[in-house]
Amino acid sequence: MDKDKLDRIAEKKKRWQEEAATARERSEPFMTVSGRPVGALYTPLDNADLDYEKDLGFPGSYPYTRGVQDNMYRGRVWTMRQFSGFGDAYDSNNRYRYLLEQGQTGLSVAFDMPTIMGYDSDSERSLGEVGRCGVAIDSLEDMEILFDQIPLDRVTTSMTINGPAAILWCMYLANAEKQGVSLDKVGGTIQNDILKEYIAQKSWIFPPEPSMRLITDIFSFAADHVPRWNTISISGYHIREAGSTAAQELAFTLADGFAYVEAGIQAGLNVDRFAPRLSFFFNAHIDFFEEICKYRAARRIWARRMKEKYGATDERSLKMRFHTQTAGCSLTAQEPENNIVRTALEALSAVLGGTQSLHTNSMDEVLALPSEKAVKIALRTQQVIAYESGAANTIDPLAGSYFVEALTDQLEAEAEAYFRRIDELGGVLPAIDQGFFQQEIADAAYDYQRAVDREDLVVVGVNRYNTSEKVQIDLLKIDPAVEEKQVRRLKKLKESRDNDAVARSLAALKKSAAGSDNLIPKIMDAVRVYATEGEIVAALKEIFGEYREKPLF
């Protein structure tokens, strides 16, 4: 708009504000869940500098604010996933096959805590945790059971694993080989995002430098042998679950992404050789519009930085593709059926924000691993959005909204301010070492809880409209016998395999780790002869050592 029109709108807005000032408003503050003030009305004055071609463009076109595909969900709806895994590989295989029968289009593996931390099920540190919060995977044998009767050339799989990501990925690839599937036909995603572990989730194994080496080794090996695989899922999800604001999730996630790009370049890889297979993983929190704007800002920031700073020329390197999961931290133990509504709104925000893949949390996840009934409701939520709501019929329908565009710009500006602060600290790794991210998230989490305690933020059924009703839903319980069975099977494997071959493979792996060879072929050799995850991790610890976080006070 020209200046005269904007001046007229400004004058009329001023008169409106004077008249509206006498209108009664609710007593609580008007702000997003991140604490951002929300104005009563947005007008063209809030978008005066918006340049359609430069800032928005068209779907599938730079800077991808409106989506990374030309026709988005009019061509194909998002991949529907349910994060699932519990007990042993037999239990989880049954759940996967059930979900595929119900119309799920991709698998997403949840591992138990011993697997996440690199311990075998027979370790004393695994006692009482085997199969509790995910599936126990110790060896290629477990991976074979986990995907029994599931064709790995037709189903894509996402695996949430970080410290030992290279090992679990190699088990998956070796299993595909045993199924007769060539690696160039295998598709999926491995989370493999160690930086956010140091920042938020805390399930690390090795120090940052060797951990980054493993990641760039995966980049290189996948580029040559597994071209359909997303080699990393750069995760803001866990940053948000730890208590960050939307702007912090946006900024810290993209800062991690840029750090991985720089690590790949420093390892001698051309940016366009590995960047097309980088993917992202965001949290869909409860504040509807803030989340939509976060996704739109993320695409724009990523495209501009990849093109202008890192010199990417392949269009695929500029396109931010991301998976979204509804916010576990928004769910409540009180009145858990309310979580169905929360999840539906969060999922709709992810769809309107242009996600490529979506997981909807189950209503009972705050109390236990999800039951079969709760998982089905969560999946049906996605299907209703996709096929009944009309949300998938048009592309980026909120574009041009004065509020949405203003909030998108605000989030981008806050992220850029964080990037400058991180650069001043020397980059992501020095900022982690100095506790910068950890302190920012801790402060945000404290502020959020204070707002809930004051009822500045309303949580229905918790601090307002709460009742004394007891929870009356069936919960999934893991039989303690699962752990005994898993340990017995692992013992049998260790007795029956070729232990000389295992010893040779581990010795070769340590030799390569002490040098500069790509470690993925050596890990593949080890898992093929049924070396266990714990044995491979122990071998690498001898060379790499273990990470110890500096205490922060």
Protein backbone atom coordinates (compact mmCIF):
# COMPACT_ATOMS: atom_id res chain seq x y z
CA MET A 1 0.00 0.00 0.00
CA ASP A 2 1.10 3.56 -0.65
CA LYS A 3 1.86 5.99 2.16
CA ASP A 4 -1.40 7.90 1.83
CA LYS A 5 -3.49 4.77 2.31
CA LEU A 6 -1.40 3.68 5.29
CA ASP A 7 -1.77 7.15 6.83
CA ARG A 8 -5.58 6.97 6.43
CA ILE A 9 -5.65 3.50 8.01
CA ALA A 10 -3.48 4.75 10.88
CA GLU A 11 -5.86 7.63 11.54
CA LYS A 12 -8.91 5.37 11.45
CA LYS A 13 -7.20 2.84 13.71
CA LYS A 14 -6.45 5.58 16.22
CA ARG A 15 -10.14 6.60 16.31
CA TRP A 16 -11.17 2.95 16.66
CA GLN A 17 -8.76 2.46 19.56
CA GLU A 18 -10.20 5.51 21.33
CA GLU A 19 -13.74 4.17 20.96
CA ALA A 20 -12.75 0.60 21.86
CA ALA A 21 -10.90 1.74 24.98
CA THR A 22 -14.16 1.88 26.90
CA ALA A 23 -15.10 -1.70 25.98
CA ARG A 24 -14.77 -4.28 28.76
CA GLU A 25 -12.00 -6.89 28.39
CA ARG A 26 -11.22 -10.06 30.31
CA SER A 27 -8.83 -9.64 33.22
CA GLU A 28 -6.08 -12.09 32.18
CA PRO A 29 -3.23 -10.85 29.99
CA PHE A 30 -3.52 -11.47 26.25
CA MET A 31 -0.36 -13.32 25.27
CA THR A 32 0.84 -16.44 23.52
CA VAL A 33 1.88 -19.52 25.44
CA SER A 34 5.47 -18.25 25.01
CA GLY A 35 4.61 -15.00 26.78
CA ARG A 36 4.45 -12.83 23.65
CA PRO A 37 1.86 -10.00 23.92
CA VAL A 38 -0.97 -10.26 21.37
CA GLY A 39 -2.60 -7.09 20.09
CA ALA A 40 -6.34 -6.64 19.87
CA LEU A 41 -6.29 -5.94 16.15
CA TYR A 42 -3.83 -6.27 13.26
CA THR A 43 -4.03 -4.17 10.11
CA PRO A 44 -1.94 -3.41 7.01
CA LEU A 45 0.12 -1.15 9.27
CA ASP A 46 1.64 -4.30 10.78
CA ASN A 47 2.69 -5.55 7.32
CA ALA A 48 3.73 -2.28 5.70
CA ASP A 49 7.13 -3.64 4.66
CA LEU A 50 5.87 -7.01 3.41
CA ASP A 51 7.17 -7.78 -0.08
CA TYR A 52 5.12 -10.63 -1.52
CA GLU A 53 7.75 -11.95 -3.93
CA LYS A 54 10.66 -11.54 -1.52
CA ASP A 55 9.00 -12.64 1.72
CA LEU A 56 6.25 -15.02 0.65
CA GLY A 57 6.44 -16.14 -2.97
CA PHE A 58 4.51 -19.18 -4.12
CA PRO A 59 4.38 -22.73 -2.73
CA GLY A 60 7.36 -24.72 -3.93
CA SER A 61 9.24 -21.51 -4.74
CA TYR A 62 11.94 -19.59 -2.87
CA PRO A 63 11.85 -18.61 0.00
CA TYR A 64 9.28 -21.41 0.60
CA THR A 65 7.36 -19.49 3.26
CA ARG A 66 4.17 -20.95 1.79
CA GLY A 67 5.39 -24.54 1.58
CA VAL A 68 8.05 -26.69 -0.05
CA GLN A 69 5.82 -28.46 -2.60
CA ASP A 70 4.03 -26.79 -5.48
CA ASN A 71 0.65 -28.32 -4.66
CA MET A 72 1.20 -29.40 -1.04
CA TYR A 73 -1.63 -31.65 0.23
CA ARG A 74 -3.62 -31.40 -3.00
CA GLY A 75 -1.01 -33.77 -4.39
CA ARG A 76 -0.50 -36.02 -1.35
CA VAL A 77 -1.39 -35.61 2.29
CA TRP A 78 1.33 -35.65 4.92
CA THR A 79 2.85 -38.91 6.14
CA MET A 80 0.91 -40.08 9.18
CA ARG A 81 3.11 -41.57 11.87
CA GLN A 82 2.60 -42.75 15.43
CA PHE A 83 5.68 -42.84 17.67
CA SER A 84 5.54 -46.38 18.96
CA GLY A 85 7.66 -48.96 20.69
CA PHE A 86 7.39 -50.90 23.93
CA GLY A 87 8.44 -54.20 25.44
CA ASP A 88 10.54 -56.37 23.19
CA ALA A 89 10.72 -56.50 19.40
CA TYR A 90 7.84 -58.99 19.19
CA ASP A 91 5.49 -56.66 21.11
CA SER A 92 6.36 -53.64 18.98
CA ASN A 93 6.15 -55.58 15.72
CA ASN A 94 2.55 -56.45 16.58
CA ARG A 95 1.76 -52.79 17.28
CA TYR A 96 3.38 -51.67 14.00
CA ARG A 97 1.38 -54.13 11.96
CA TYR A 98 -1.81 -53.01 13.72
CA LEU A 99 -1.09 -49.35 12.94
CA LEU A 100 -0.36 -50.09 9.28
CA GLU A 101 -3.65 -51.98 9.07
CA GLN A 102 -5.43 -48.88 10.48
CA GLY A 103 -4.08 -46.68 7.69
CA GLN A 104 -0.83 -45.33 9.13
CA THR A 105 1.59 -44.54 6.31
CA GLY A 106 4.96 -44.53 8.08
CA LEU A 107 6.54 -46.06 11.16
CA SER A 108 8.27 -44.16 13.96
CA VAL A 109 10.35 -46.18 16.43
CA ALA A 110 10.56 -45.38 20.13
CA PHE A 111 13.52 -47.09 21.81
CA ASP A 112 13.81 -47.89 25.50
CA MET A 113 16.20 -45.96 27.73
CA PRO A 114 19.01 -48.57 27.78
CA THR A 115 19.05 -48.59 23.96
CA ILE A 116 19.02 -44.78 23.87
CA MET A 117 21.99 -44.67 26.25
CA GLY A 118 23.97 -47.41 24.49
CA TYR A 119 23.58 -50.23 27.03
CA ASP A 120 22.62 -53.82 26.30
CA SER A 121 19.61 -55.26 28.13
CA ASP A 122 21.87 -57.47 30.27
CA SER A 123 23.84 -54.49 31.63
CA GLU A 124 23.40 -53.78 35.33
CA ARG A 125 22.59 -50.19 34.32
CA SER A 126 19.58 -51.45 32.35
CA LEU A 127 17.94 -53.18 35.29
CA GLY A 128 14.25 -52.27 35.55
CA GLU A 129 14.25 -50.16 32.36
CA VAL A 130 14.21 -52.77 29.58
CA GLY A 131 11.22 -52.23 27.29
CA ARG A 132 9.66 -49.66 29.62
CA CYS A 133 9.61 -46.42 27.62
CA GLY A 134 10.21 -47.96 24.20
CA VAL A 135 11.38 -51.11 22.49
CA ALA A 136 14.56 -52.91 23.56
CA ILE A 137 17.00 -53.40 20.65
CA ASP A 138 20.33 -55.06 21.41
CA SER A 139 21.37 -56.56 18.09
CA LEU A 140 20.53 -57.17 14.46
CA GLU A 141 18.45 -60.13 15.64
CA ASP A 142 16.08 -57.76 17.46
CA MET A 143 15.88 -55.51 14.40
CA GLU A 144 14.94 -58.52 12.28
CA ILE A 145 12.10 -59.36 14.66
CA LEU A 146 10.97 -55.73 14.92
CA PHE A 147 10.39 -55.48 11.16
CA ASP A 148 9.28 -59.03 10.48
CA GLN A 149 6.70 -59.08 7.63
CA ILE A 150 7.17 -55.32 7.12
CA PRO A 151 8.74 -54.66 3.68
CA LEU A 152 11.46 -52.06 4.10
CA ASP A 153 11.33 -51.03 0.44
CA ARG A 154 7.68 -49.95 0.80
CA VAL A 155 7.48 -48.50 4.32
CA THR A 156 9.48 -45.50 5.50
CA THR A 157 10.72 -45.59 9.08
CA SER A 158 11.71 -42.82 11.45
CA MET A 159 13.97 -43.79 14.35
CA THR A 160 14.30 -41.56 17.40
CA ILE A 161 17.87 -42.33 18.47
CA ASN A 162 20.84 -40.01 18.87
CA GLY A 163 24.01 -41.00 20.74
CA PRO A 164 24.12 -44.52 19.20
CA ALA A 165 22.26 -43.45 16.04
CA ALA A 166 24.91 -44.78 13.65
CA ILE A 167 24.69 -48.25 15.23
CA LEU A 168 20.88 -48.56 15.11
CA TRP A 169 20.89 -47.21 11.55
CA CYS A 170 23.41 -49.84 10.51
CA MET A 171 21.23 -52.54 12.09
CA TYR A 172 18.26 -51.27 10.08
CA LEU A 173 20.28 -51.26 6.85
CA ALA A 174 21.69 -54.72 7.54
CA ASN A 175 18.17 -55.98 8.12
CA ALA A 176 17.08 -54.49 4.78
CA GLU A 177 19.92 -56.40 3.13
CA LYS A 178 18.70 -59.60 4.79
CA GLN A 179 15.22 -58.91 3.41
CA GLY A 180 16.78 -58.66 -0.05
CA VAL A 181 16.18 -54.91 -0.29
CA SER A 182 19.01 -52.91 -1.87
CA LEU A 183 20.07 -49.87 0.16
CA ASP A 184 19.14 -47.42 -2.59
CA LYS A 185 15.50 -48.51 -2.12
CA VAL A 186 15.45 -47.91 1.65
CA GLY A 187 13.77 -44.72 2.86
CA GLY A 188 13.31 -43.14 6.26
CA THR A 189 14.80 -40.80 8.83
CA ILE A 190 17.14 -41.18 11.75
CA GLN A 191 17.06 -38.45 14.36
CA ASN A 192 20.84 -38.43 14.87
CA ASP A 193 20.74 -34.91 16.39
CA ILE A 194 23.35 -34.91 19.15
CA LEU A 195 23.53 -31.14 19.63
CA LYS A 196 20.02 -30.92 21.03
CA GLU A 197 20.97 -33.72 23.45
CA TYR A 198 23.64 -31.51 25.00
CA ILE A 199 21.15 -28.62 24.97
CA ALA A 200 17.94 -30.23 26.18
CA GLN A 201 17.32 -33.97 26.26
CA LYS A 202 20.62 -35.08 27.86
CA SER A 203 20.88 -38.59 26.35
CA TRP A 204 24.44 -38.30 25.06
CA ILE A 205 27.27 -40.84 25.05
CA PHE A 206 30.41 -39.44 23.40
CA PRO A 207 31.90 -35.91 23.52
CA PRO A 208 30.76 -33.42 20.85
CA GLU A 209 33.71 -33.74 18.44
CA PRO A 210 33.56 -37.54 17.83
CA SER A 211 29.76 -37.34 17.88
CA MET A 212 29.87 -34.81 15.04
CA ARG A 213 32.31 -37.06 13.19
CA LEU A 214 29.81 -39.94 13.33
CA ILE A 215 27.14 -37.64 11.94
CA THR A 216 29.22 -36.44 9.00
CA ASP A 217 30.24 -40.07 8.33
CA ILE A 218 26.54 -40.87 8.04
CA PHE A 219 26.09 -37.90 5.67
CA SER A 220 28.82 -39.22 3.39
CA PHE A 221 27.83 -42.91 3.47
CA ALA A 222 24.16 -42.15 2.83
CA ALA A 223 24.95 -39.84 -0.09
CA ASP A 224 26.82 -42.71 -1.76
CA HIS A 225 24.69 -45.72 -0.75
CA VAL A 226 21.32 -44.75 0.80
CA PRO A 227 20.16 -41.74 -1.24
CA ARG A 228 16.52 -41.87 -0.08
CA TRP A 229 17.44 -41.65 3.61
CA ASN A 230 17.07 -38.47 5.68
CA THR A 231 20.36 -38.58 7.55
CA ILE A 232 19.38 -36.32 10.42
CA SER A 233 16.20 -34.94 11.94
CA ILE A 234 17.29 -31.67 13.52
CA SER A 235 15.01 -31.53 16.49
CA GLY A 236 13.34 -28.58 18.11
CA TYR A 237 10.81 -30.91 19.65
CA HIS A 238 12.89 -31.77 22.69
CA ILE A 239 14.07 -28.19 23.08
CA ARG A 240 10.42 -27.15 23.38
CA GLU A 241 9.57 -30.06 25.67
CA ALA A 242 12.37 -28.89 27.98
CA GLY A 243 10.55 -25.58 28.40
CA SER A 244 11.70 -23.23 25.63
CA THR A 245 9.57 -20.59 23.99
CA ALA A 246 8.51 -20.86 20.35
CA ALA A 247 11.20 -18.35 19.34
CA GLN A 248 13.87 -20.29 21.23
CA GLU A 249 12.76 -23.55 19.62
CA LEU A 250 12.95 -21.90 16.21
CA ALA A 251 16.32 -20.24 16.79
CA PHE A 252 18.12 -23.04 18.61
CA THR A 253 16.92 -25.70 16.16
CA LEU A 254 18.06 -23.75 13.12
CA ALA A 255 21.35 -22.84 14.81
CA ASP A 256 21.96 -26.58 15.29
CA GLY A 257 21.07 -27.13 11.65
CA PHE A 258 23.59 -24.54 10.50
CA ALA A 259 26.22 -26.17 12.74
CA TYR A 260 25.64 -29.52 11.00
CA VAL A 261 25.94 -27.86 7.60
CA GLU A 262 29.23 -26.29 8.63
CA ALA A 263 30.48 -29.63 10.00
CA GLY A 264 29.69 -31.34 6.71
CA ILE A 265 31.49 -28.65 4.74
CA GLN A 266 34.50 -28.85 7.08
CA ALA A 267 34.55 -32.62 6.56
CA GLY A 268 35.11 -31.96 2.87
CA LEU A 269 31.58 -32.55 1.59
CA ASN A 270 29.95 -30.31 -0.98
CA VAL A 271 26.92 -28.72 0.66
CA ASP A 272 24.58 -29.90 -2.09
CA ARG A 273 25.80 -33.47 -1.62
CA PHE A 274 24.29 -33.85 1.87
CA ALA A 275 21.98 -30.89 2.57
CA PRO A 276 19.05 -32.22 0.49
CA ARG A 277 18.68 -35.08 2.99
CA LEU A 278 18.67 -32.92 6.12
CA SER A 279 15.25 -32.79 7.75
CA PHE A 280 13.74 -31.12 10.80
CA PHE A 281 11.46 -32.09 13.67
CA PHE A 282 9.29 -29.47 15.35
CA ASN A 283 6.93 -29.37 18.31
CA ALA A 284 3.30 -28.43 17.72
CA HIS A 285 2.42 -26.65 20.95
CA ILE A 286 -1.01 -25.42 22.01
CA ASP A 287 -0.83 -21.78 20.84
CA PHE A 288 -2.42 -22.18 17.43
CA PHE A 289 -1.21 -19.13 15.52
CA GLU A 290 2.22 -18.91 17.12
CA GLU A 291 2.96 -22.46 15.95
CA ILE A 292 1.79 -21.85 12.38
CA CYS A 293 3.96 -18.74 12.15
CA LYS A 294 6.94 -20.61 13.61
CA TYR A 295 6.90 -23.14 10.75
CA ARG A 296 6.53 -20.43 8.09
CA ALA A 297 9.41 -18.41 9.57
CA ALA A 298 11.60 -21.54 9.78
CA ARG A 299 11.28 -22.29 6.07
CA ARG A 300 12.11 -18.71 5.11
CA ILE A 301 15.14 -18.45 7.41
CA TRP A 302 16.55 -21.81 6.28
CA ALA A 303 16.18 -21.06 2.56
CA ARG A 304 17.81 -17.64 2.81
CA ARG A 305 20.73 -18.80 4.96
CA MET A 306 21.44 -21.89 2.84
CA LYS A 307 21.49 -19.82 -0.33
CA GLU A 308 23.19 -16.66 0.86
CA LYS A 309 25.69 -17.97 3.43
CA TYR A 310 26.44 -21.57 2.48
CA GLY A 311 26.16 -21.20 -1.30
CA ALA A 312 23.72 -24.06 -1.86
CA THR A 313 22.50 -24.18 -5.44
CA ASP A 314 20.43 -27.37 -5.43
CA GLU A 315 16.84 -26.35 -4.78
CA ARG A 316 16.42 -29.37 -2.48
CA SER A 317 19.09 -27.94 -0.17
CA LEU A 318 16.99 -24.81 0.31
CA LYS A 319 13.74 -26.58 1.14
CA MET A 320 13.16 -27.21 4.82
CA ARG A 321 11.24 -30.47 5.12
CA PHE A 322 10.00 -31.25 8.61
CA HIS A 323 8.12 -33.72 10.76
CA THR A 324 5.88 -32.45 13.54
CA GLN A 325 4.74 -34.03 16.77
CA THR A 326 2.05 -32.61 18.98
CA ALA A 327 3.31 -31.35 22.33
CA GLY A 328 3.68 -33.96 25.03
CA CYS A 329 4.35 -31.20 27.56
CA SER A 330 0.91 -29.69 26.86
CA LEU A 331 -0.91 -32.86 27.92
CA THR A 332 -2.35 -33.14 31.39
CA ALA A 333 -2.81 -36.04 33.80
CA GLN A 334 -5.98 -34.35 35.02
CA GLU A 335 -9.00 -35.03 32.78
CA PRO A 336 -6.88 -36.83 30.16
CA GLU A 337 -9.74 -36.91 27.64
CA ASN A 338 -9.15 -33.16 27.21
CA ASN A 339 -5.85 -34.13 25.59
CA ILE A 340 -7.76 -35.37 22.54
CA VAL A 341 -8.91 -31.79 21.91
CA ARG A 342 -5.45 -30.34 22.56
CA THR A 343 -3.86 -32.81 20.16
CA ALA A 344 -6.42 -32.08 17.43
CA LEU A 345 -5.75 -28.33 17.59
CA GLU A 346 -1.99 -28.84 17.63
CA ALA A 347 -2.17 -31.22 14.68
CA LEU A 348 -4.29 -28.73 12.72
CA SER A 349 -1.69 -26.02 13.35
CA ALA A 350 1.02 -28.31 11.93
CA VAL A 351 -1.08 -28.95 8.83
CA LEU A 352 -1.83 -25.27 8.29
CA GLY A 353 1.88 -24.63 8.83
CA GLY A 354 2.81 -27.04 6.03
CA THR A 355 4.33 -30.10 7.73
CA GLN A 356 5.45 -33.10 5.63
CA SER A 357 4.94 -35.67 8.35
CA LEU A 358 2.89 -35.70 11.55
CA HIS A 359 2.61 -37.64 14.79
CA THR A 360 -0.36 -37.11 17.07
CA ASN A 361 0.09 -37.88 20.76
CA SER A 362 -2.35 -40.16 22.54
CA MET A 363 -4.53 -38.89 25.37
CA ASP A 364 -2.93 -41.23 27.93
CA GLU A 365 0.75 -40.56 27.19
CA VAL A 366 1.16 -38.34 30.24
CA LEU A 367 0.28 -41.38 32.37
CA ALA A 368 1.82 -44.33 30.50
CA LEU A 369 2.83 -45.60 27.09
CA PRO A 370 -0.25 -45.30 24.87
CA SER A 371 -2.88 -48.00 24.81
CA GLU A 372 -4.11 -49.42 21.51
CA LYS A 373 -7.42 -47.54 21.83
CA ALA A 374 -5.70 -44.21 22.52
CA VAL A 375 -3.31 -44.68 19.58
CA LYS A 376 -6.24 -45.37 17.26
CA ILE A 377 -8.01 -42.17 18.37
CA ALA A 378 -4.80 -40.19 17.79
CA LEU A 379 -4.41 -41.62 14.29
CA ARG A 380 -8.08 -41.02 13.48
CA THR A 381 -7.54 -37.38 14.51
CA GLN A 382 -5.08 -36.96 11.65
CA GLN A 383 -7.38 -38.74 9.22
CA VAL A 384 -10.35 -36.50 10.12
CA ILE A 385 -8.18 -33.41 9.56
CA ALA A 386 -6.93 -34.77 6.24
CA TYR A 387 -10.19 -36.01 4.76
CA GLU A 388 -13.06 -34.23 6.53
CA SER A 389 -11.96 -30.78 7.72
CA GLY A 390 -11.11 -29.23 4.34
CA ALA A 391 -7.76 -28.06 5.72
CA ALA A 392 -5.88 -30.01 3.04
CA ASN A 393 -7.84 -28.53 0.13
CA THR A 394 -5.92 -25.28 -0.35
CA ILE A 395 -2.32 -24.22 0.22
CA ASP A 396 -1.24 -21.97 3.10
CA PRO A 397 -4.76 -20.57 3.61
CA LEU A 398 -3.69 -18.12 6.33
CA ALA A 399 -1.15 -16.31 4.15
CA GLY A 400 -1.85 -12.60 3.97
CA SER A 401 -3.48 -12.48 7.38
CA TYR A 402 -2.26 -9.29 9.02
CA PHE A 403 -1.76 -11.15 12.32
CA VAL A 404 -0.09 -14.22 10.81
CA GLU A 405 2.34 -12.26 8.67
CA ALA A 406 3.22 -9.89 11.53
CA LEU A 407 3.81 -12.79 13.92
CA THR A 408 5.88 -14.65 11.32
CA ASP A 409 8.09 -11.57 10.95
CA GLN A 410 8.42 -11.18 14.73
CA LEU A 411 9.52 -14.79 15.18
CA GLU A 412 12.05 -14.46 12.37
CA ALA A 413 13.47 -11.28 13.93
CA GLU A 414 13.78 -12.93 17.36
CA ALA A 415 15.53 -15.94 15.81
CA GLU A 416 18.00 -13.67 14.01
CA ALA A 417 18.74 -11.92 17.30
CA TYR A 418 19.52 -15.28 18.88
CA PHE A 419 21.79 -16.21 15.97
CA ARG A 420 23.82 -13.06 16.63
CA ARG A 421 24.15 -13.92 20.33
CA ILE A 422 25.27 -17.47 19.51
CA ASP A 423 27.86 -16.14 17.05
CA GLU A 424 29.17 -13.77 19.72
CA LEU A 425 29.73 -16.80 21.99
CA GLY A 426 31.78 -18.51 19.26
CA GLY A 427 29.12 -20.79 17.77
CA VAL A 428 26.89 -23.63 18.92
CA LEU A 429 29.51 -25.86 20.58
CA PRO A 430 31.09 -23.05 22.66
CA ALA A 431 27.59 -21.84 23.56
CA ILE A 432 26.71 -25.35 24.80
CA ASP A 433 29.94 -25.47 26.79
CA GLN A 434 29.08 -22.14 28.42
CA GLY A 435 25.56 -23.28 29.28
CA PHE A 436 23.90 -20.58 27.17
CA PHE A 437 21.10 -22.70 25.69
CA GLN A 438 20.50 -24.53 28.94
CA GLN A 439 20.09 -21.30 30.91
CA GLU A 440 17.80 -19.70 28.34
CA ILE A 441 15.51 -22.74 28.34
CA ALA A 442 15.52 -23.03 32.14
CA ASP A 443 14.53 -19.38 32.49
CA ALA A 444 11.74 -19.77 29.93
CA ALA A 445 10.42 -22.89 31.66
CA TYR A 446 10.38 -21.06 34.99
CA ASP A 447 8.53 -18.10 33.49
CA TYR A 448 5.95 -20.41 31.92
CA GLN A 449 5.26 -22.24 35.19
CA ARG A 450 4.94 -18.95 37.04
CA ALA A 451 2.38 -17.79 34.45
CA VAL A 452 0.37 -21.01 34.94
CA ASP A 453 0.56 -20.66 38.73
CA ARG A 454 -0.73 -17.07 38.50
CA GLU A 455 -3.43 -18.20 36.01
CA ASP A 456 -2.09 -15.75 33.44
CA LEU A 457 -2.09 -18.87 31.24
CA VAL A 458 -5.18 -21.04 31.64
CA VAL A 459 -4.82 -24.83 31.52
CA VAL A 460 -8.33 -26.27 31.47
CA GLY A 461 -8.85 -28.93 34.09
CA VAL A 462 -5.66 -27.94 35.94
CA ASN A 463 -5.78 -24.32 37.11
CA ARG A 464 -9.31 -23.53 35.91
CA TYR A 465 -12.50 -25.57 35.55
CA ASN A 466 -10.78 -28.36 37.44
CA THR A 467 -12.71 -31.14 39.13
CA SER A 468 -11.90 -33.87 41.61
CA GLU A 469 -12.91 -36.69 39.25
CA LYS A 470 -10.63 -39.70 39.28
CA VAL A 471 -8.98 -40.91 36.05
CA GLN A 472 -11.00 -43.78 34.60
CA ILE A 473 -9.02 -44.98 31.57
CA ASP A 474 -7.20 -48.22 30.92
CA LEU A 475 -3.41 -47.88 30.80
CA LEU A 476 -0.80 -50.00 29.06
CA LYS A 477 1.37 -51.85 31.57
CA ILE A 478 4.67 -53.50 30.67
CA ASP A 479 5.05 -57.00 32.11
CA PRO A 480 8.33 -57.33 34.08
CA ALA A 481 8.73 -60.70 32.35
CA VAL A 482 9.62 -58.77 29.16
CA GLU A 483 13.02 -57.89 30.63
CA GLU A 484 13.76 -61.47 31.68
CA LYS A 485 12.82 -62.74 28.22
CA GLN A 486 14.96 -60.12 26.46
CA VAL A 487 18.01 -60.91 28.63
CA ARG A 488 17.61 -64.65 28.00
CA ARG A 489 17.43 -64.12 24.24
CA LEU A 490 20.50 -61.87 24.33
CA LYS A 491 22.45 -64.47 26.31
CA LYS A 492 21.51 -67.15 23.78
CA LEU A 493 22.64 -64.91 20.90
CA LYS A 494 26.02 -64.27 22.50
CA GLU A 495 26.53 -68.00 22.97
CA SER A 496 25.51 -69.03 19.44
CA ARG A 497 27.11 -66.34 17.23
CA ASP A 498 30.68 -66.41 15.86
CA ASN A 499 32.42 -64.61 18.72
CA ASP A 500 35.78 -64.61 16.96
CA ALA A 501 34.20 -62.67 14.09
CA VAL A 502 32.66 -60.26 16.60
CA ALA A 503 36.04 -59.67 18.27
CA ARG A 504 37.72 -59.04 14.90
CA SER A 505 35.01 -56.57 13.83
CA LEU A 506 35.27 -54.62 17.08
CA ALA A 507 39.07 -54.47 16.83
CA ALA A 508 38.79 -53.14 13.26
CA LEU A 509 36.25 -50.56 14.40
CA LYS A 510 38.53 -49.28 17.16
CA LYS A 511 41.43 -49.01 14.72
CA SER A 512 39.33 -46.92 12.32
CA ALA A 513 38.00 -44.78 15.17
CA ALA A 514 41.57 -43.97 16.17
CA GLY A 515 42.21 -42.86 12.58
CA SER A 516 40.13 -40.88 10.13
CA ASP A 517 38.28 -43.53 8.10
CA ASN A 518 34.52 -43.36 7.66
CA LEU A 519 33.20 -45.51 10.51
CA ILE A 520 29.91 -46.62 8.96
CA PRO A 521 31.34 -49.56 6.93
CA LYS A 522 33.09 -50.85 10.08
CA ILE A 523 29.90 -50.56 12.14
CA MET A 524 28.01 -52.37 9.36
CA ASP A 525 30.57 -55.20 9.51
CA ALA A 526 30.09 -55.45 13.28
CA VAL A 527 26.29 -55.57 13.28
CA ARG A 528 26.26 -58.14 10.44
CA VAL A 529 28.08 -60.62 12.71
CA TYR A 530 25.66 -59.77 15.56
CA ALA A 531 27.89 -57.59 17.69
CA THR A 532 25.54 -55.89 20.12
CA GLU A 533 24.89 -52.20 20.50
CA GLY A 534 26.50 -52.21 23.95
CA GLU A 535 29.65 -53.91 22.64
CA ILE A 536 30.01 -51.44 19.78
CA VAL A 537 29.44 -48.47 22.08
CA ALA A 538 31.99 -49.82 24.56
CA ALA A 539 34.56 -50.19 21.77
CA LEU A 540 34.02 -46.60 20.65
CA LYS A 541 34.17 -45.31 24.24
CA GLU A 542 37.71 -46.72 24.49
CA ILE A 543 38.74 -44.33 21.70
CA PHE A 544 36.33 -41.40 22.08
CA GLY A 545 35.74 -41.32 25.83
CA GLU A 546 32.45 -40.17 27.39
CA TYR A 547 30.87 -36.74 27.71
CA ARG A 548 30.45 -35.07 31.07
CA GLU A 549 28.34 -31.93 31.26
CA LYS A 550 29.66 -28.94 33.16
CA PRO A 551 27.40 -28.12 36.11
CA LEU A 552 25.43 -24.91 35.73
CA PHE A 553 24.45 -22.86 38.76
